[in-house]
Protein backbone atom coordinates (compact mmCIF):
# COMPACT_ATOMS: atom_id res chain seq x y z
CA MET A 1 83.33 -84.47 -88.66
CA THR A 2 80.21 -82.76 -89.99
CA ALA A 3 80.10 -80.44 -93.00
CA ARG A 4 79.76 -77.51 -90.61
CA HIS A 5 82.93 -78.50 -88.79
CA VAL A 6 84.81 -78.91 -92.08
CA LEU A 7 83.76 -75.44 -93.29
CA ILE A 8 84.91 -73.78 -90.09
CA VAL A 9 88.26 -75.59 -90.20
CA LEU A 10 88.80 -74.55 -93.83
CA MET A 11 88.02 -70.93 -92.96
CA ALA A 12 90.57 -71.03 -90.19
CA LEU A 13 93.23 -72.53 -92.47
CA ALA A 14 92.64 -69.80 -95.03
CA ALA A 15 93.07 -67.05 -92.45
CA PRO A 16 95.68 -64.31 -92.86
CA ALA A 17 98.85 -64.84 -90.85
CA ALA A 18 97.99 -62.02 -88.42
CA ALA A 19 94.64 -63.59 -87.60
CA GLN A 20 96.26 -66.99 -87.09
CA THR A 21 98.15 -65.55 -84.11
CA PHE A 22 94.83 -64.84 -82.36
CA PRO A 23 94.59 -64.78 -79.42
CA ASP A 24 97.79 -63.41 -77.93
CA ARG A 25 96.28 -61.98 -74.74
CA PRO A 26 93.37 -62.72 -72.35
CA ILE A 27 89.79 -62.48 -73.64
CA THR A 28 86.96 -60.82 -71.70
CA MET A 29 83.55 -62.48 -71.75
CA VAL A 30 80.92 -60.00 -70.59
CA VAL A 31 77.89 -61.41 -68.78
CA PRO A 32 75.13 -58.76 -68.74
CA TYR A 33 73.71 -59.99 -65.43
CA ALA A 34 74.63 -60.30 -61.78
CA ALA A 35 76.78 -63.21 -60.62
CA GLY A 36 75.01 -66.42 -59.70
CA GLY A 37 72.51 -66.63 -62.55
CA SER A 38 72.49 -69.15 -65.37
CA SER A 39 74.44 -66.89 -67.75
CA ASP A 40 77.20 -66.40 -65.20
CA ILE A 41 77.34 -70.15 -64.50
CA LEU A 42 77.52 -71.06 -68.19
CA ALA A 43 80.07 -68.34 -68.95
CA ARG A 44 82.42 -69.81 -66.36
CA LEU A 45 81.88 -73.38 -67.61
CA ILE A 46 82.46 -72.32 -71.22
CA GLY A 47 85.29 -69.93 -70.38
CA GLU A 48 87.28 -72.55 -68.52
CA ARG A 49 87.18 -74.90 -71.51
CA LEU A 50 87.62 -72.27 -74.22
CA ALA A 51 90.73 -71.04 -72.42
CA LYS A 52 92.35 -74.44 -72.85
CA GLY A 53 91.67 -74.55 -76.58
CA LEU A 54 92.64 -70.93 -77.22
CA GLY A 55 95.67 -70.94 -74.95
CA GLN A 56 94.57 -67.73 -73.24
CA GLN A 57 92.61 -66.88 -70.10
CA ILE A 58 88.89 -66.08 -70.43
CA VAL A 59 87.97 -63.38 -67.91
CA VAL A 60 84.28 -63.39 -66.98
CA ASP A 61 83.04 -59.85 -66.36
CA ASP A 62 79.55 -59.55 -64.83
CA ARG A 63 77.96 -56.22 -65.89
CA ALA A 64 74.39 -56.28 -64.59
CA GLY A 65 71.72 -53.69 -65.19
CA ALA A 66 68.79 -52.61 -67.34
CA GLY A 67 67.70 -56.16 -68.11
CA SER A 68 71.05 -57.02 -69.80
CA ARG A 69 71.29 -53.73 -71.73
CA ILE A 70 74.35 -52.32 -69.92
CA GLY A 71 76.65 -55.26 -70.53
CA THR A 72 75.34 -55.74 -74.05
CA GLU A 73 76.04 -52.12 -74.98
CA ILE A 74 79.61 -52.50 -73.74
CA VAL A 75 80.22 -55.32 -76.20
CA ALA A 76 78.31 -53.67 -79.05
CA HIS A 77 80.70 -50.71 -78.90
CA ALA A 78 83.91 -52.65 -78.21
CA ALA A 79 86.65 -53.13 -80.79
CA PRO A 80 85.85 -56.02 -83.19
CA ASP A 81 89.09 -57.85 -82.49
CA GLY A 82 87.86 -60.97 -80.68
CA TYR A 83 89.04 -59.89 -77.26
CA THR A 84 85.61 -58.80 -76.01
CA LEU A 85 82.78 -61.34 -76.18
CA LEU A 86 79.20 -61.40 -74.90
CA LEU A 87 77.48 -64.31 -73.18
CA ALA A 88 74.07 -63.52 -74.63
CA ASP A 89 70.75 -65.14 -73.89
CA MET A 90 67.17 -64.78 -75.10
CA PRO A 91 66.58 -61.30 -73.56
CA HIS A 92 69.14 -60.05 -76.08
CA THR A 93 66.24 -60.21 -78.54
CA ILE A 94 63.65 -58.79 -76.11
CA VAL A 95 65.18 -55.68 -74.50
CA PRO A 96 65.19 -53.52 -77.68
CA ALA A 97 61.41 -53.98 -77.94
CA ILE A 98 60.83 -52.77 -74.37
CA GLN A 99 63.39 -50.12 -73.53
CA LYS A 100 63.71 -46.74 -75.20
CA GLY A 101 67.10 -45.44 -76.28
CA VAL A 102 68.80 -48.82 -76.71
CA ARG A 103 72.08 -48.07 -78.47
CA TYR A 104 72.45 -51.32 -80.38
CA ASP A 105 70.61 -53.52 -82.83
CA PRO A 106 70.49 -57.17 -81.65
CA VAL A 107 71.30 -58.47 -85.14
CA ARG A 108 73.21 -55.78 -87.02
CA ASP A 109 75.64 -54.77 -84.26
CA PHE A 110 76.94 -58.25 -83.37
CA THR A 111 78.88 -61.11 -84.90
CA PRO A 112 77.45 -64.51 -83.86
CA ILE A 113 80.02 -67.08 -82.76
CA GLY A 114 77.67 -69.90 -81.84
CA LEU A 115 74.87 -71.13 -79.65
CA ILE A 116 75.80 -72.85 -76.38
CA GLY A 117 72.60 -74.56 -75.36
CA THR A 118 68.90 -74.40 -74.63
CA ALA A 119 66.77 -75.05 -71.55
CA SER A 120 63.10 -75.00 -70.66
CA MET A 121 61.87 -72.51 -68.10
CA VAL A 122 60.70 -73.95 -64.77
CA LEU A 123 58.12 -72.62 -62.30
CA PHE A 124 59.60 -72.54 -58.79
CA VAL A 125 57.97 -71.59 -55.50
CA ASN A 126 59.22 -71.00 -52.00
CA PRO A 127 58.62 -74.13 -49.85
CA ALA A 128 56.26 -72.13 -47.62
CA VAL A 129 53.80 -71.67 -50.48
CA PRO A 130 50.94 -74.15 -49.89
CA ALA A 131 50.96 -75.57 -53.42
CA ALA A 132 52.18 -79.07 -54.19
CA THR A 133 51.24 -78.88 -57.87
CA VAL A 134 50.87 -76.19 -60.52
CA GLN A 135 47.10 -76.74 -60.33
CA ASP A 136 47.26 -75.86 -56.62
CA PHE A 137 49.29 -72.75 -57.47
CA VAL A 138 46.79 -71.61 -60.09
CA ALA A 139 43.95 -72.10 -57.60
CA LEU A 140 45.77 -69.98 -54.99
CA ALA A 141 46.40 -67.23 -57.53
CA LYS A 142 42.77 -67.17 -58.66
CA ALA A 143 41.52 -67.08 -55.09
CA ASP A 144 43.43 -63.86 -54.38
CA PRO A 145 44.32 -62.03 -57.64
CA GLY A 146 47.42 -59.83 -57.54
CA LYS A 147 48.61 -61.03 -54.15
CA ILE A 148 51.04 -63.85 -54.98
CA THR A 149 54.40 -62.43 -56.02
CA VAL A 150 56.36 -63.66 -59.02
CA ALA A 151 60.05 -62.74 -59.26
CA SER A 152 61.91 -62.12 -62.50
CA GLY A 153 65.41 -61.23 -63.62
CA GLY A 154 64.16 -57.85 -64.78
CA ILE A 155 61.48 -56.22 -66.90
CA GLY A 156 61.58 -57.79 -70.34
CA SER A 157 63.64 -60.78 -69.27
CA THR A 158 62.67 -64.27 -70.37
CA THR A 159 61.66 -64.95 -66.78
CA HIS A 160 59.31 -61.94 -66.87
CA LEU A 161 57.73 -62.74 -70.23
CA THR A 162 57.28 -66.40 -69.27
CA ALA A 163 55.36 -65.24 -66.19
CA GLU A 164 53.25 -62.95 -68.39
CA LEU A 165 52.44 -65.80 -70.75
CA PHE A 166 51.65 -68.08 -67.78
CA GLN A 167 49.13 -65.55 -66.45
CA GLU A 168 47.55 -65.19 -69.88
CA ARG A 169 47.24 -68.95 -70.35
CA THR A 170 45.88 -69.62 -66.84
CA GLY A 171 43.68 -66.55 -66.31
CA THR A 172 45.61 -65.57 -63.19
CA LYS A 173 47.00 -62.27 -61.92
CA LEU A 174 50.36 -62.28 -60.12
CA LEU A 175 52.33 -59.39 -58.62
CA HIS A 176 55.51 -58.97 -60.68
CA VAL A 177 58.70 -58.17 -58.73
CA PRO A 178 61.68 -57.50 -61.05
CA PHE A 179 65.29 -57.95 -59.94
CA ARG A 180 68.65 -57.17 -61.54
CA GLY A 181 69.21 -60.70 -62.78
CA ALA A 182 68.04 -64.24 -62.13
CA GLY A 183 70.57 -64.74 -59.32
CA PRO A 184 69.20 -61.98 -57.04
CA ALA A 185 65.63 -63.07 -57.87
CA LEU A 186 66.43 -66.62 -56.77
CA THR A 187 68.06 -65.37 -53.56
CA ASP A 188 64.88 -63.56 -52.53
CA LEU A 189 62.74 -66.52 -53.58
CA MET A 190 64.80 -68.78 -51.32
CA ALA A 191 64.49 -66.28 -48.47
CA GLY A 192 60.71 -66.12 -48.87
CA HIS A 193 60.65 -62.41 -49.78
CA VAL A 194 58.87 -63.45 -53.01
CA GLU A 195 56.73 -66.53 -53.47
CA SER A 196 57.28 -67.73 -57.01
CA GLY A 197 59.33 -67.29 -60.13
CA PHE A 198 60.20 -68.77 -63.49
CA THR A 199 63.85 -69.47 -64.17
CA THR A 200 66.04 -72.20 -65.58
CA LEU A 201 67.31 -75.23 -63.74
CA ALA A 202 70.81 -73.92 -64.47
CA THR A 203 70.08 -71.05 -62.09
CA ALA A 204 68.12 -72.95 -59.45
CA SER A 205 69.65 -76.44 -59.45
CA ALA A 206 71.63 -76.04 -56.21
CA ALA A 207 68.69 -74.36 -54.46
CA LEU A 208 66.38 -77.17 -55.57
CA ASP A 209 68.77 -79.82 -54.30
CA ALA A 210 69.00 -78.02 -50.96
CA GLY A 211 65.23 -77.86 -50.62
CA ALA A 212 65.31 -74.06 -50.62
CA VAL A 213 62.83 -73.94 -53.53
CA ARG A 214 60.29 -76.36 -54.96
CA ALA A 215 59.76 -76.99 -58.69
CA LEU A 216 56.10 -77.23 -59.74
CA ALA A 217 56.31 -77.60 -63.52
CA ILE A 218 58.52 -77.19 -66.57
CA ALA A 219 57.61 -75.11 -69.62
CA GLY A 220 58.97 -77.71 -72.02
CA THR A 221 57.65 -80.31 -74.43
CA THR A 222 58.98 -83.20 -72.33
CA ARG A 223 60.18 -83.83 -68.79
CA LEU A 224 63.86 -83.33 -68.04
CA ALA A 225 65.94 -86.49 -68.06
CA SER A 226 67.85 -85.21 -65.04
CA ARG A 227 64.64 -84.27 -63.14
CA PRO A 228 61.94 -86.71 -64.31
CA ALA A 229 59.72 -85.97 -61.31
CA ILE A 230 58.98 -82.44 -62.53
CA PRO A 231 55.87 -82.52 -64.77
CA THR A 232 55.39 -80.29 -67.79
CA LEU A 233 52.85 -77.48 -67.84
CA ARG A 234 51.15 -79.24 -70.73
CA GLU A 235 50.52 -82.24 -68.47
CA ALA A 236 48.58 -79.85 -66.25
CA GLY A 237 46.55 -78.64 -69.23
CA ILE A 238 48.52 -75.39 -69.65
CA ASP A 239 49.79 -75.00 -73.21
CA LEU A 240 52.99 -73.07 -72.55
CA VAL A 241 56.45 -73.90 -73.88
CA VAL A 242 59.38 -71.48 -73.45
CA GLU A 243 62.89 -72.61 -74.39
CA HIS A 244 65.61 -70.28 -73.17
CA TRP A 245 68.93 -70.13 -75.06
CA TRP A 246 72.48 -68.93 -74.48
CA GLY A 247 75.16 -68.13 -77.03
CA VAL A 248 78.39 -66.24 -77.65
CA LEU A 249 78.47 -62.98 -79.62
CA ALA A 250 81.19 -60.53 -80.57
CA PRO A 251 81.01 -56.96 -81.89
CA ALA A 252 80.02 -56.51 -85.54
CA GLY A 253 82.88 -56.49 -88.01
CA LEU A 254 84.87 -59.32 -86.45
CA PRO A 255 87.34 -60.70 -89.06
CA PRO A 256 86.11 -63.99 -90.58
CA ALA A 257 89.29 -65.79 -89.53
CA VAL A 258 88.75 -64.82 -85.88
CA VAL A 259 85.10 -65.88 -86.12
CA ALA A 260 86.24 -69.23 -87.51
CA ARG A 261 88.78 -69.76 -84.72
CA LEU A 262 86.32 -68.92 -81.95
CA ALA A 263 83.51 -70.94 -83.55
CA ALA A 264 85.76 -73.97 -83.99
CA GLU A 265 86.88 -73.86 -80.35
CA LEU A 266 83.29 -73.43 -79.14
CA LEU A 267 82.14 -76.43 -81.20
CA ALA A 268 85.01 -78.48 -79.77
CA VAL A 269 83.83 -77.65 -76.25
CA LEU A 270 80.22 -78.56 -77.08
CA ASP A 271 81.28 -81.82 -78.76
CA ALA A 272 83.10 -83.03 -75.65
CA PRO A 273 81.01 -85.68 -73.83
CA GLU A 274 82.23 -84.47 -70.45
CA PHE A 275 80.85 -80.99 -71.15
CA ALA A 276 77.42 -82.38 -72.03
CA ALA A 277 77.58 -84.33 -68.78
CA ARG A 278 78.18 -81.08 -66.88
CA LEU A 279 75.20 -79.42 -68.56
CA GLN A 280 72.69 -82.23 -68.03
CA PRO A 281 72.13 -81.65 -64.28
CA LEU A 282 71.50 -77.98 -65.15
CA GLY A 283 68.76 -78.92 -67.59
CA VAL A 284 70.72 -77.47 -70.51
CA ALA A 285 71.04 -79.28 -73.84
CA PRO A 286 74.18 -78.44 -75.88
CA ALA A 287 73.36 -76.75 -79.19
CA HIS A 288 75.57 -77.43 -82.21
CA VAL A 289 74.67 -74.33 -84.21
CA ALA A 290 76.95 -72.53 -86.66
CA PRO A 291 77.30 -68.71 -86.67
CA ASP A 292 74.91 -68.16 -89.61
CA GLN A 293 72.23 -70.33 -88.01
CA PHE A 294 72.64 -68.45 -84.74
CA ARG A 295 72.14 -65.15 -86.58
CA ALA A 296 68.90 -66.46 -88.08
CA LEU A 297 67.66 -67.48 -84.61
CA ILE A 298 68.41 -64.02 -83.21
CA ALA A 299 66.54 -62.38 -86.08
CA SER A 300 63.48 -64.60 -85.75
CA ASP A 301 63.31 -64.27 -81.94
CA THR A 302 63.65 -60.48 -82.19
CA ALA A 303 60.55 -60.38 -84.38
CA ARG A 304 58.66 -62.91 -82.24
CA TRP A 305 59.19 -61.18 -78.90
CA ALA A 306 58.54 -57.70 -80.32
CA ALA A 307 55.07 -58.89 -81.28
CA ILE A 308 54.45 -60.42 -77.83
CA VAL A 309 55.71 -57.32 -76.00
CA GLN A 310 53.47 -55.08 -78.09
CA ALA A 311 50.44 -57.28 -77.51
CA ALA A 312 51.06 -57.36 -73.74
CA GLY A 313 51.80 -53.64 -73.56
CA ILE A 314 55.04 -54.21 -71.62
CA THR A 315 57.32 -51.19 -71.21
CA ALA A 316 60.33 -50.41 -69.07
CA GLN A 317 59.58 -48.51 -65.88
């Protein structure tokens, strides 16, 4: 048992009697995207296992819209009692920099429970696109600027900003087509309504296996152990690395004892070898990060993406 595990256990043991009865009813985990995307998939994997440890059902509630803002606002303004959680991902730190009138602060208005995992973004194309490699794709894009479409899970999503960075690093111009989540974007990519898109393997794994999409390159430092045939963008001479993350948040003001209980159960799920085995085919690496470390990550990413959004002049439409 690590020092982090010991601290969380001690916090739980020191909890008031009322908090030690938590939970005594089902817990709602809000996913701020449409069903079928990586966040929805991970919420159901995590929820199933958390329910066993907590002894209560975890109800996954998909609340898509406004690039994750709608579902996130629901949790930000929910009672801080541990019965409403948010399956957050990197756009949690991006949306406030892009959209006006956001009614929450990504750091101040949430209580971090823990990080779930990380995954590199992957460039996918529809099989009809005549590009066998990312070099071929770049050549096609340069030959006809603004014609090749690139799907995203919404303006300001990680998928969108990765595409923006890709264009900046390659000197290409793609036609951005935003959707209400990575799931709908993938559906249209498979159908050939759009030609390309960045997303995680967690979202596109089944489509890739079925041959409905083709992976050209991964925006990671190394190739995926589960998909060693997919080269990195760096191997193609494109210096672009984007690591997406997912984690669990609760409203601000959550009692420390409830934080400790939820964090301990989440760590137990992540420590289980069988859970890591479920994540590997999805290209997701479990992250053993305590609540305070997760808060620091959110704060640093909020500052990082705000600078990138400002430099790119990205705004909500």
